[in-house]
Each structure stands twice: as structure tokens, then as C-alpha cells.
Amino acid sequence: MLKALDIDPGKCTSCKQCEMACSYENEGEFNVSKSRIRVFDFHTEARFVPYTCTQCAEAWCQQACPVNAITTDHMGVKIVHSNICVGCKVCTIACPFGTINYNASTGKVIKCDLCGGEPACADACPTGAITFSDVEQAGYDKMKQWATATASPTDVSGPNTPVKQ
């Protein structure tokens, strides 16, 4: 069973516990700038969205790496091999989501590797905004939530239906 991070932004309070746990787990220090997960803050809406690598099936970061420092493990997780990485940052440019970051203290790039199957961010999240669950179930739950939230007896429009004025 493949597992992935399932993020529910509606539960995020921007406590930054995920960022702190991630940096400590991976770098041995509490430093959010070295975290592989970030919490984006929409100030005017008072909304917070945790985001990290989605472990893309066709990872542009991996394809762009000129020294093949990013590989895929048996669970589909993209791993950066720091002993091979030359710190050119081409992968950071290739990632359309901005989830690969440059660590200036090491001169290498860092990204989420799901902590080897026990993500510290999910364990540290006090509200359940970040969970580690079955990939298929997580996707199904999101579709079901969307369907429930958007469906009404008189509304048969889909997400791409133009709004009538």
C-alpha cells in the first residue's frame, strides 16, 4: 500500500510545528528555513496552507538534475542523494511547486523524503491538518468532500462550468 501526506488546509492554524519537527528530524536543529515543509500564510484571508513535495510520478526535478542526484525509491519517493548533488539548483527551477530548496549551509538541495516512511510533520501536527495515509483513500476522500460541498439538488454544474451572470 502506497502512502502519502494528506494535507487539509482547513485544519491548519500555522503553529509551525510541522516545520520545526521537519527541520529537527532532518537537520538536527529547530530552524524553519531548513524545513522540507512550509506553511504558506494567506494574510488577508487568515488561511494557512502547508505544502511540500508531492512526489510527482513524472518528477521534473528528477528529470532536470544533470548529475542524477535524485532517484525514486520502491515507494515512489524522490530522494536527493547529497553525496551526488552538486548544488546547481536546476531542480529548484524545474519544480513547478517550489518544494525543493537550497540549503546554503551544505551547498546542496533538500526536499521531502517522507522521513523514510514516518513523516515527522504528520506526527507533530496537533490539529490533524497533516496526516500520512493510503494514497488511494486520501484521493477518494478529497473527491467525496468536493462532491458533497458542491452538490445541491438544483445545481448540476461541475468545477469547469461557467458562472451565469
Protein backbone atom coordinates (compact mmCIF):
# COMPACT_ATOMS: atom_id res chain seq x y z
CA MET A 1 0.00 0.00 0.00
CA LEU A 2 1.45 3.35 -1.05
CA LYS A 3 1.11 6.16 1.43
CA ALA A 4 1.34 9.92 1.06
CA LEU A 5 0.94 13.09 3.05
CA ASP A 6 -2.67 14.21 3.07
CA ILE A 7 -2.97 17.92 3.84
CA ASP A 8 -6.20 19.58 4.96
CA PRO A 9 -5.57 23.35 4.96
CA GLY A 10 -8.85 23.97 6.76
CA LYS A 11 -7.37 22.43 9.90
CA CYS A 12 -4.05 24.33 9.80
CA THR A 13 -3.52 27.00 12.46
CA SER A 14 0.00 27.98 11.29
CA CYS A 15 1.55 26.78 14.54
CA LYS A 16 4.67 25.78 12.53
CA GLN A 17 5.07 22.53 14.49
CA CYS A 18 5.38 20.67 11.18
CA GLU A 19 8.22 22.93 10.06
CA MET A 20 10.02 22.64 13.39
CA ALA A 21 9.67 18.85 13.53
CA CYS A 22 10.88 18.51 9.95
CA SER A 23 13.98 20.63 10.44
CA TYR A 24 14.85 18.83 13.66
CA GLU A 25 14.32 15.38 12.14
CA ASN A 26 16.39 16.13 9.05
CA GLU A 27 18.93 18.73 10.21
CA GLY A 28 19.12 18.19 13.97
CA GLU A 29 18.09 21.76 14.71
CA PHE A 30 14.92 23.78 15.07
CA ASN A 31 15.25 26.06 12.05
CA VAL A 32 12.23 26.55 9.79
CA SER A 33 14.46 27.72 6.93
CA LYS A 34 15.82 24.15 6.78
CA SER A 35 12.41 22.52 6.80
CA ARG A 36 11.19 20.49 3.85
CA ILE A 37 7.60 21.54 4.52
CA ARG A 38 6.37 25.11 4.57
CA VAL A 39 3.19 26.77 5.75
CA PHE A 40 2.00 29.40 3.30
CA ASP A 41 0.18 32.24 5.01
CA PHE A 42 -2.66 33.99 3.19
CA HIS A 43 -2.72 37.06 5.47
CA THR A 44 -5.84 38.77 4.21
CA GLU A 45 -7.93 35.59 4.36
CA ALA A 46 -6.41 34.36 7.65
CA ARG A 47 -5.85 30.98 5.97
CA PHE A 48 -2.81 28.74 6.14
CA VAL A 49 -1.73 26.04 3.72
CA PRO A 50 1.05 23.56 4.47
CA TYR A 51 2.82 22.41 1.33
CA THR A 52 5.67 20.09 0.47
CA CYS A 53 6.87 17.78 -2.28
CA THR A 54 4.02 15.78 -3.78
CA GLN A 55 6.37 13.03 -5.03
CA CYS A 56 5.27 13.53 -8.65
CA ALA A 57 5.12 10.42 -10.81
CA GLU A 58 6.97 12.27 -13.58
CA ALA A 59 9.14 14.48 -11.39
CA TRP A 60 10.55 17.41 -13.33
CA CYS A 61 13.17 17.94 -10.63
CA GLN A 62 14.48 14.43 -11.20
CA GLN A 63 14.48 14.80 -14.96
CA ALA A 64 16.28 18.16 -14.77
CA CYS A 65 19.10 17.04 -12.47
CA PRO A 66 22.27 16.96 -14.60
CA VAL A 67 24.10 14.54 -12.27
CA ASN A 68 21.19 12.16 -11.49
CA ALA A 69 21.29 13.00 -7.78
CA ILE A 70 17.52 12.47 -7.44
CA THR A 71 16.26 8.90 -7.58
CA THR A 72 12.95 7.19 -6.87
CA ASP A 73 12.74 4.55 -4.16
CA HIS A 74 10.47 1.48 -4.11
CA MET A 75 7.63 3.54 -2.59
CA GLY A 76 7.77 6.24 -5.29
CA VAL A 77 9.52 8.76 -3.03
CA LYS A 78 12.00 11.07 -4.72
CA ILE A 79 15.29 11.03 -2.79
CA VAL A 80 18.09 13.61 -3.11
CA HIS A 81 21.50 11.99 -2.69
CA SER A 82 23.61 14.71 -1.11
CA ASN A 83 26.81 12.84 -1.91
CA ILE A 84 26.00 13.22 -5.63
CA CYS A 85 24.24 16.62 -5.60
CA VAL A 86 26.49 19.45 -6.84
CA GLY A 87 24.16 22.23 -5.65
CA CYS A 88 23.50 23.64 -9.12
CA LYS A 89 19.83 24.32 -8.21
CA VAL A 90 18.50 23.27 -11.63
CA CYS A 91 15.95 21.05 -9.86
CA THR A 92 14.67 24.02 -7.83
CA ILE A 93 13.93 25.82 -11.08
CA ALA A 94 12.32 22.74 -12.66
CA CYS A 95 9.93 22.06 -9.77
CA PRO A 96 6.64 23.83 -10.63
CA PHE A 97 5.59 23.79 -6.98
CA GLY A 98 8.70 25.30 -5.42
CA THR A 99 9.11 22.43 -2.99
CA ILE A 100 12.84 21.83 -3.47
CA ASN A 101 15.00 24.26 -1.54
CA TYR A 102 18.67 25.11 -1.42
CA ASN A 103 20.41 24.62 1.93
CA ALA A 104 23.13 27.29 1.99
CA SER A 105 24.96 25.69 4.90
CA THR A 106 25.53 22.44 2.99
CA GLY A 107 25.52 23.77 -0.57
CA LYS A 108 23.01 21.04 -1.51
CA VAL A 109 19.29 20.92 -2.23
CA ILE A 110 16.75 19.48 0.19
CA LYS A 111 13.24 18.16 -0.33
CA CYS A 112 10.72 16.00 1.46
CA ASP A 113 11.55 12.30 1.50
CA LEU A 114 8.68 11.40 3.85
CA CYS A 115 11.23 10.73 6.61
CA GLY A 116 11.69 7.18 5.43
CA GLY A 117 8.00 6.37 5.89
CA GLU A 118 7.41 8.11 9.24
CA PRO A 119 6.93 11.81 8.43
CA ALA A 120 7.81 13.97 11.42
CA CYS A 121 5.48 16.72 10.19
CA ALA A 122 2.42 14.46 10.38
CA ASP A 123 3.40 13.20 13.83
CA ALA A 124 3.89 16.76 15.09
CA CYS A 125 0.69 18.30 13.68
CA PRO A 126 -1.63 18.94 16.66
CA THR A 127 -4.77 19.56 14.57
CA GLY A 128 -4.58 16.69 12.09
CA ALA A 129 -4.05 19.06 9.16
CA ILE A 130 -1.22 16.76 8.01
CA THR A 131 -1.74 13.02 8.03
CA PHE A 132 0.10 10.11 6.44
CA SER A 133 -2.41 7.83 4.78
CA ASP A 134 -3.10 5.45 1.92
CA VAL A 135 -2.71 7.28 -1.38
CA GLU A 136 -5.92 5.92 -2.88
CA GLN A 137 -8.03 6.63 0.21
CA ALA A 138 -6.69 10.17 0.55
CA GLY A 139 -7.64 10.96 -3.05
CA TYR A 140 -11.09 9.39 -2.69
CA ASP A 141 -11.83 11.34 0.48
CA LYS A 142 -10.92 14.61 -1.21
CA MET A 143 -13.15 13.87 -4.19
CA LYS A 144 -16.01 12.93 -1.87
CA GLN A 145 -15.59 16.14 0.14
CA TRP A 146 -15.60 18.21 -3.05
CA ALA A 147 -18.67 16.41 -4.37
CA THR A 148 -20.55 16.87 -1.09
CA ALA A 149 -19.60 20.53 -0.78
CA THR A 150 -20.50 21.47 -4.34
CA ALA A 151 -23.58 19.35 -4.95
CA SER A 152 -27.08 20.56 -4.32
CA PRO A 153 -30.43 19.33 -5.66
CA THR A 154 -30.72 22.22 -8.12
CA ASP A 155 -27.04 22.55 -9.01
CA VAL A 156 -25.67 20.11 -11.58
CA SER A 157 -22.73 22.23 -12.62
CA GLY A 158 -19.19 20.90 -12.41
CA PRO A 159 -15.98 22.63 -11.45
CA ASN A 160 -15.41 23.94 -15.00
CA THR A 161 -18.94 25.17 -15.67
CA PRO A 162 -19.03 28.94 -16.31
CA VAL A 163 -20.91 31.02 -13.77
CA LYS A 164 -24.03 32.72 -15.19
CA GLN A 165 -24.31 36.42 -14.51
